[in-house]
Amino acid sequence: MSFPRYWRLSSRVPPSPPPRLRPGRPAGPEARHAADAGLFYTNGDHVHVSSTPPATASGHGWWVRVKGGKPGEKAKVTIWLQAKDRHGKWKSVASGSKKVKPTKGKASSTHRANARKTCEGRKKTQWRSLIDVDVIGEAGSPEKAVTATMTFNCGAGV
């Protein structure tokens, strides 16, 4: 199974064989935990701008259980919209979180968290989202998924 760059496998269980992980995030000894904790990946769509007024940048985040887990389990999914400031640094400009069940691919609105930021003018701005999934009742991981950078004429006020 091949995952896009912005998907992240949980470090709770070592996959076999290991999928491609984001650069700089190699699985190490800390990734070798009990198999009953399960395996999941974090996913999200690219930041996009609404086609209806007012122009708004938005992004969504969700999680997909690959193996293990418990029936009815939920995770707190948190998403931050980030925009690059004039110094080239990423700044969080909006966030959202929601407790949701895992999905089986593209998430419906009931199974994802969203973040929205109304555009402040039409300044050309680079956007991305940062997504964190914390499965309720399981040890957390500091890893977060990062979506690809998108550029829009939608100012973020940074």
Foldseek 3Di string as FASTA:
>chain_A
DEDPALKAKFLCDQDVPHYDYHPPDDRDPSSHHDCQVFMKIKDKDWWDWDPDPPTKTKIKIAMATDTHDDPPWWKKKKKFKWKQDPVRDTDTQWMWIDIADHDDPDDDPRGIIMIMAGFDFQQWIKIKMWMAIGTPPDDGDPDIGIGDIDIGRGHRPD
